[in-house]
N, C-alpha and C. Protein backbone atom coordinates (compact mmCIF):
# COMPACT_ATOMS: atom_id res chain seq x y z
N UNK A 1 78.36 84.54 130.68
CA UNK A 1 78.91 85.23 131.24
C UNK A 1 80.29 84.83 131.75
N UNK A 2 80.58 83.68 132.61
CA UNK A 2 82.15 83.53 133.20
C UNK A 2 83.00 83.09 131.98
N UNK A 3 82.76 82.70 130.93
CA UNK A 3 83.49 82.60 129.50
C UNK A 3 83.46 83.72 128.72
N UNK A 4 82.83 85.35 129.17
CA UNK A 4 82.96 86.12 128.30
C UNK A 4 83.84 87.16 127.98
N UNK A 5 84.31 87.48 127.27
CA UNK A 5 85.27 88.90 127.21
C UNK A 5 85.07 89.97 127.54
N UNK A 6 83.92 90.28 128.02
CA UNK A 6 83.32 91.48 128.30
C UNK A 6 83.31 91.33 130.04
N UNK A 7 83.31 90.19 130.78
CA UNK A 7 83.71 90.14 132.00
C UNK A 7 84.99 89.21 132.51
N UNK A 8 85.35 88.69 131.64
CA UNK A 8 86.94 87.92 132.24
C UNK A 8 88.05 88.71 131.22
N UNK A 9 89.47 88.31 132.10
CA UNK A 9 90.21 88.40 131.37
C UNK A 9 91.16 87.00 130.82
N UNK A 10 92.10 87.48 129.77
CA UNK A 10 92.60 85.85 129.47
C UNK A 10 93.70 85.56 130.38
N UNK A 11 94.02 86.03 131.43
CA UNK A 11 94.89 85.27 132.35
C UNK A 11 94.00 84.62 133.56
N UNK A 12 92.50 85.11 133.82
CA UNK A 12 92.02 84.19 134.45
C UNK A 12 91.74 82.62 134.21
N UNK A 13 91.95 82.15 135.21
CA UNK A 13 91.68 80.48 135.34
C UNK A 13 90.55 79.92 135.23
N UNK A 14 90.12 78.87 134.58
CA UNK A 14 88.79 78.54 134.74
C UNK A 14 88.84 77.59 136.46
N UNK A 15 88.05 77.35 136.86
CA UNK A 15 87.62 76.30 137.98
C UNK A 15 87.57 75.07 137.66
N UNK A 16 87.50 74.68 136.70
CA UNK A 16 87.62 73.33 136.50
C UNK A 16 88.61 72.62 135.36
N UNK A 17 89.05 71.14 135.56
CA UNK A 17 90.20 71.12 134.88
C UNK A 17 89.67 70.28 133.33
N UNK A 18 90.65 70.04 132.81
CA UNK A 18 90.25 69.85 131.32
C UNK A 18 89.71 68.54 131.41
N UNK A 19 90.04 67.60 132.35
CA UNK A 19 89.09 66.25 132.38
C UNK A 19 87.71 66.46 132.98
N UNK A 20 87.50 67.21 133.56
CA UNK A 20 86.34 67.29 134.01
C UNK A 20 85.12 68.16 132.94
N UNK A 21 85.67 68.33 131.93
CA UNK A 21 84.67 69.44 130.91
C UNK A 21 84.17 68.59 130.01
N UNK A 22 82.68 67.76 129.97
CA UNK A 22 82.37 67.12 129.50
C UNK A 22 82.33 66.56 127.96
N UNK A 23 82.91 65.40 127.16
CA UNK A 23 83.26 65.64 125.70
C UNK A 23 81.85 65.58 124.75
N UNK A 24 80.87 66.64 124.62
CA UNK A 24 79.84 66.71 124.36
C UNK A 24 80.12 66.07 122.56
N UNK A 25 80.98 66.50 121.95
CA UNK A 25 81.14 65.95 120.91
C UNK A 25 82.84 65.22 120.38
N UNK A 26 83.79 66.37 120.86
CA UNK A 26 85.00 65.64 121.06
C UNK A 26 85.37 66.27 122.50
N UNK A 27 86.45 65.54 122.77
CA UNK A 27 86.82 66.32 124.51
C UNK A 27 87.86 67.43 124.09
N UNK A 28 87.93 68.16 125.35
CA UNK A 28 88.56 69.41 125.22
C UNK A 28 90.02 69.64 125.17
N UNK A 29 90.34 68.34 125.47
CA UNK A 29 91.89 68.69 125.28
C UNK A 29 92.03 68.40 123.71
N UNK A 30 91.33 67.64 123.26
CA UNK A 30 91.24 67.36 121.65
C UNK A 30 91.26 68.78 120.77
N UNK A 31 90.35 69.52 121.37
CA UNK A 31 90.27 70.82 120.78
C UNK A 31 91.21 71.70 120.79
N UNK A 32 91.42 71.28 122.40
CA UNK A 32 92.86 72.22 122.39
C UNK A 32 94.21 72.09 121.64
N UNK A 33 94.12 70.54 121.45
CA UNK A 33 95.64 70.42 120.61
C UNK A 33 95.04 70.67 119.23
N UNK A 34 93.94 71.05 118.56
CA UNK A 34 93.68 71.35 117.53
C UNK A 34 93.83 73.13 116.84
N UNK A 35 93.68 73.36 118.31
CA UNK A 35 94.47 75.09 117.92
C UNK A 35 95.54 75.49 117.50
N UNK A 36 95.83 76.70 117.17
CA UNK A 36 96.60 77.08 116.70
C UNK A 36 97.79 77.22 118.00
N UNK A 37 99.12 77.04 117.89
CA UNK A 37 100.30 77.19 118.79
C UNK A 37 99.94 78.31 119.54
N UNK A 38 99.71 80.05 118.09
CA UNK A 38 99.82 80.90 118.82
C UNK A 38 99.11 81.46 119.27
N UNK A 39 97.42 80.68 118.98
CA UNK A 39 96.13 81.61 119.87
C UNK A 39 96.58 80.71 121.44
N UNK A 40 97.26 79.72 121.77
CA UNK A 40 97.21 79.08 122.71
C UNK A 40 98.56 80.22 123.75
N UNK A 41 99.19 80.09 122.92
CA UNK A 41 100.63 80.90 123.68
C UNK A 41 99.57 82.66 124.16
N UNK A 42 98.71 82.93 123.26
CA UNK A 42 98.59 84.42 123.62
C UNK A 42 97.27 83.79 124.91
N UNK A 43 97.09 82.74 125.23
CA UNK A 43 96.35 82.67 126.54
C UNK A 43 96.97 82.30 127.70
N UNK A 44 98.85 82.38 127.29
CA UNK A 44 99.72 82.06 128.70
C UNK A 44 99.55 80.23 128.52
N UNK A 45 99.15 79.76 127.21
CA UNK A 45 99.28 78.29 127.48
C UNK A 45 100.01 77.77 126.68
N UNK A 46 101.33 76.64 127.28
CA UNK A 46 101.86 76.10 126.39
C UNK A 46 101.40 74.84 125.98
N UNK A 47 101.71 74.85 124.26
CA UNK A 47 100.86 73.93 123.44
C UNK A 47 101.58 72.73 124.13
N UNK A 48 102.72 72.29 124.31
CA UNK A 48 102.98 71.06 124.56
C UNK A 48 103.40 70.85 125.93
N UNK A 49 102.74 71.63 126.92
CA UNK A 49 102.47 71.51 128.28
C UNK A 49 101.32 70.81 128.61
N UNK A 50 100.05 70.60 127.00
CA UNK A 50 99.01 70.43 127.70
C UNK A 50 98.30 69.11 127.90
N UNK A 51 97.56 68.72 129.15
CA UNK A 51 97.19 67.51 129.48
C UNK A 51 95.87 67.51 130.30
N UNK A 52 95.24 65.97 130.28
CA UNK A 52 93.88 66.34 131.04
C UNK A 52 93.69 67.10 132.31
N UNK A 53 94.50 67.26 132.91
CA UNK A 53 94.50 67.70 134.15
C UNK A 53 94.76 69.46 134.33
N UNK A 54 95.27 69.89 133.15
CA UNK A 54 95.40 71.30 132.99
C UNK A 54 94.30 72.10 133.46
N UNK A 55 94.63 73.36 134.01
CA UNK A 55 93.22 74.36 134.42
C UNK A 55 93.90 75.46 133.26
N UNK A 56 93.08 75.72 132.43
CA UNK A 56 93.14 76.43 131.46
C UNK A 56 92.54 78.08 131.79
N UNK A 57 92.94 79.02 131.16
CA UNK A 57 92.06 80.36 131.05
C UNK A 57 90.55 80.11 130.49
N UNK A 58 89.74 80.79 131.49
CA UNK A 58 88.56 80.56 131.37
C UNK A 58 87.86 80.96 130.01
N UNK A 59 88.66 81.78 129.15
CA UNK A 59 87.97 82.02 127.81
C UNK A 59 88.06 80.78 127.10
N UNK A 60 89.12 80.16 127.30
CA UNK A 60 89.06 79.13 126.44
C UNK A 60 88.16 78.08 126.14
N UNK A 61 87.62 77.36 127.61
CA UNK A 61 86.44 76.79 127.39
C UNK A 61 85.20 77.31 126.86
N UNK A 62 85.22 78.82 127.01
CA UNK A 62 84.08 79.27 126.31
C UNK A 62 84.11 79.70 124.98
N UNK A 63 85.33 79.35 124.26
CA UNK A 63 85.38 79.24 122.76
C UNK A 63 85.03 77.61 122.78
N UNK A 64 85.60 76.89 123.45
CA UNK A 64 85.53 75.29 123.21
C UNK A 64 83.76 75.15 123.35
N UNK A 65 82.81 75.21 123.90
CA UNK A 65 81.39 75.33 123.95
C UNK A 65 81.06 75.98 122.73
N UNK A 66 81.54 77.45 122.38
CA UNK A 66 80.78 78.04 121.05
C UNK A 66 80.93 76.91 120.26
N UNK A 67 82.41 76.25 119.72
CA UNK A 67 82.67 75.72 118.73
C UNK A 67 81.63 74.52 118.67
N UNK A 68 81.33 73.75 120.19
CA UNK A 68 80.69 72.49 119.95
C UNK A 68 78.97 73.38 119.58
N UNK A 69 78.67 73.73 120.24
CA UNK A 69 77.29 74.72 119.93
C UNK A 69 77.50 74.72 118.20
N UNK A 70 77.70 75.38 117.79
CA UNK A 70 78.06 75.79 116.19
C UNK A 70 78.01 74.41 115.36
N UNK A 71 78.78 73.52 115.89
CA UNK A 71 78.87 71.98 115.23
C UNK A 71 77.69 71.67 115.35
N UNK A 72 76.84 71.23 116.55
CA UNK A 72 75.74 71.07 116.66
C UNK A 72 74.52 71.50 115.54
N UNK A 73 74.90 72.99 116.10
CA UNK A 73 73.78 73.67 114.81
C UNK A 73 74.08 73.22 113.19
N UNK A 74 75.11 72.94 113.32
CA UNK A 74 75.44 72.54 111.85
C UNK A 74 74.96 71.24 111.49
N UNK A 75 74.79 70.41 112.40
CA UNK A 75 74.72 68.99 112.34
C UNK A 75 72.93 68.92 112.47
N UNK A 76 72.00 69.71 112.91
CA UNK A 76 70.97 69.73 112.72
C UNK A 76 70.36 70.24 111.54
N UNK A 77 70.52 71.22 111.19
CA UNK A 77 70.58 72.02 110.05
C UNK A 77 70.85 70.71 109.12
N UNK A 78 72.05 70.13 108.87
CA UNK A 78 72.14 68.83 107.82
C UNK A 78 71.03 68.11 107.96
N UNK A 79 70.19 67.84 109.03
CA UNK A 79 69.39 66.61 109.54
C UNK A 79 67.76 67.99 109.02
N UNK A 80 68.09 68.70 108.51
CA UNK A 80 66.78 69.61 108.12
C UNK A 80 66.05 69.89 109.11
N UNK A 81 66.65 70.20 110.16
CA UNK A 81 65.98 70.89 111.17
C UNK A 81 66.36 72.70 111.62
N UNK A 82 65.14 73.71 111.57
CA UNK A 82 65.69 75.09 111.81
C UNK A 82 66.33 75.28 112.89
N UNK A 83 67.39 75.96 113.06
CA UNK A 83 67.90 76.56 114.33
C UNK A 83 68.16 77.91 114.21
N UNK A 84 67.78 78.54 115.04
CA UNK A 84 68.26 80.04 115.60
C UNK A 84 68.79 80.17 116.41
N UNK A 85 70.40 80.82 116.35
CA UNK A 85 71.00 81.18 117.35
C UNK A 85 70.95 82.84 117.90
N UNK A 86 71.09 82.83 118.99
CA UNK A 86 70.82 84.03 119.44
C UNK A 86 72.09 84.58 120.51
N UNK A 87 73.24 84.46 120.09
CA UNK A 87 74.47 84.72 120.73
C UNK A 87 74.26 86.05 121.92
N UNK A 88 73.57 86.92 121.58
CA UNK A 88 73.38 87.95 122.38
C UNK A 88 71.89 88.34 123.04
N UNK A 89 71.09 87.44 123.16
CA UNK A 89 70.50 87.31 124.00
C UNK A 89 70.24 86.47 125.07
N UNK A 90 69.86 87.11 126.38
CA UNK A 90 69.83 86.57 127.58
C UNK A 90 68.45 85.96 127.89
N UNK A 91 68.81 84.42 128.25
CA UNK A 91 67.76 83.56 128.90
C UNK A 91 67.41 84.19 130.10
N UNK A 92 65.79 84.56 130.65
CA UNK A 92 65.61 85.11 131.85
C UNK A 92 64.82 84.01 132.76
N UNK A 93 64.39 83.24 132.00
CA UNK A 93 63.43 82.48 132.76
C UNK A 93 63.23 81.04 131.97
N UNK A 94 62.79 79.71 132.48
CA UNK A 94 62.70 78.71 131.50
C UNK A 94 61.54 78.35 132.07
N UNK A 95 60.17 78.28 131.62
CA UNK A 95 59.12 77.98 132.50
C UNK A 95 58.22 76.48 131.56
N UNK A 96 57.87 75.64 132.49
CA UNK A 96 57.31 74.46 131.68
C UNK A 96 55.78 74.79 130.92
N UNK A 97 55.81 74.23 129.99
CA UNK A 97 54.78 74.63 129.04
C UNK A 97 53.70 73.48 128.48
N UNK A 98 52.82 72.87 129.14
CA UNK A 98 52.15 71.75 128.31
C UNK A 98 53.43 70.41 128.72
N UNK A 99 53.54 70.08 127.63
CA UNK A 99 54.77 68.82 127.46
C UNK A 99 55.88 69.75 126.88
N UNK A 100 56.33 70.59 127.07
CA UNK A 100 57.81 70.99 126.98
C UNK A 100 58.02 72.46 127.67
N UNK A 101 58.94 72.92 127.41
CA UNK A 101 59.28 74.23 127.76
C UNK A 101 59.16 75.15 127.03
N UNK A 102 58.70 76.90 127.87
CA UNK A 102 59.22 78.08 127.04
C UNK A 102 60.06 78.76 127.55
N UNK A 103 60.97 79.11 126.82
CA UNK A 103 62.07 79.95 127.26
C UNK A 103 61.71 81.72 127.18
N UNK A 104 62.15 82.21 128.27
CA UNK A 104 61.89 83.30 127.80
C UNK A 104 63.01 84.43 128.14
N UNK A 105 63.35 85.59 126.63
CA UNK A 105 64.28 86.25 126.69
C UNK A 105 64.19 87.34 126.95
N UNK A 106 65.09 88.33 126.90
CA UNK A 106 65.78 89.80 126.97
C UNK A 106 65.53 89.77 125.29
N UNK A 107 65.47 91.18 125.64
CA UNK A 107 65.63 92.16 123.79
C UNK A 107 66.56 91.24 123.10
N UNK A 108 66.36 91.02 121.70
CA UNK A 108 67.45 90.48 120.80
C UNK A 108 68.13 91.32 120.25
N UNK A 109 69.45 91.40 120.17
CA UNK A 109 70.23 91.97 119.45
C UNK A 109 71.40 92.02 118.33
N UNK A 110 72.23 92.36 117.96
CA UNK A 110 72.65 91.90 116.14
C UNK A 110 73.92 90.66 117.14
N UNK A 111 74.04 89.39 116.07
CA UNK A 111 74.68 88.38 116.47
C UNK A 111 74.19 87.19 115.97
N UNK A 112 73.12 87.37 115.69
CA UNK A 112 72.15 86.09 115.59
C UNK A 112 72.54 85.60 114.27
N UNK A 113 72.05 83.74 114.49
CA UNK A 113 72.54 83.23 113.15
C UNK A 113 71.38 82.25 113.14
N UNK A 114 70.43 82.29 111.86
CA UNK A 114 69.29 81.56 111.74
C UNK A 114 70.10 80.33 110.20
N UNK A 115 69.70 79.10 110.90
CA UNK A 115 70.07 78.19 109.35
C UNK A 115 68.61 77.76 109.17
N UNK A 116 68.64 76.81 107.98
CA UNK A 116 67.42 76.09 107.78
C UNK A 116 66.83 76.74 106.87
């Protein structure tokens, strides 16, 4: 929700600097460097002024995390693992279930991506 276009405007800054976003696959700053200048400028971010202590609009880390998720899904799929991403499904609870976890969700809507 904090990185959703439904609840956040392009001008609202994230409450975390670039350096504090964990580099799950590639660092956030590298991801920013790979974005089109026009895209960054549309968020009020000067591509020439990027640095690791920069606070960017909330929607940009949201896009970064989405891109990371899709890259991880692609890696899992390449390894033969079936993955279903339900981008518009709300997780309401995570419950211990034997040796694992059960994820409880609300109604699935459009926007799903299945692989495998």
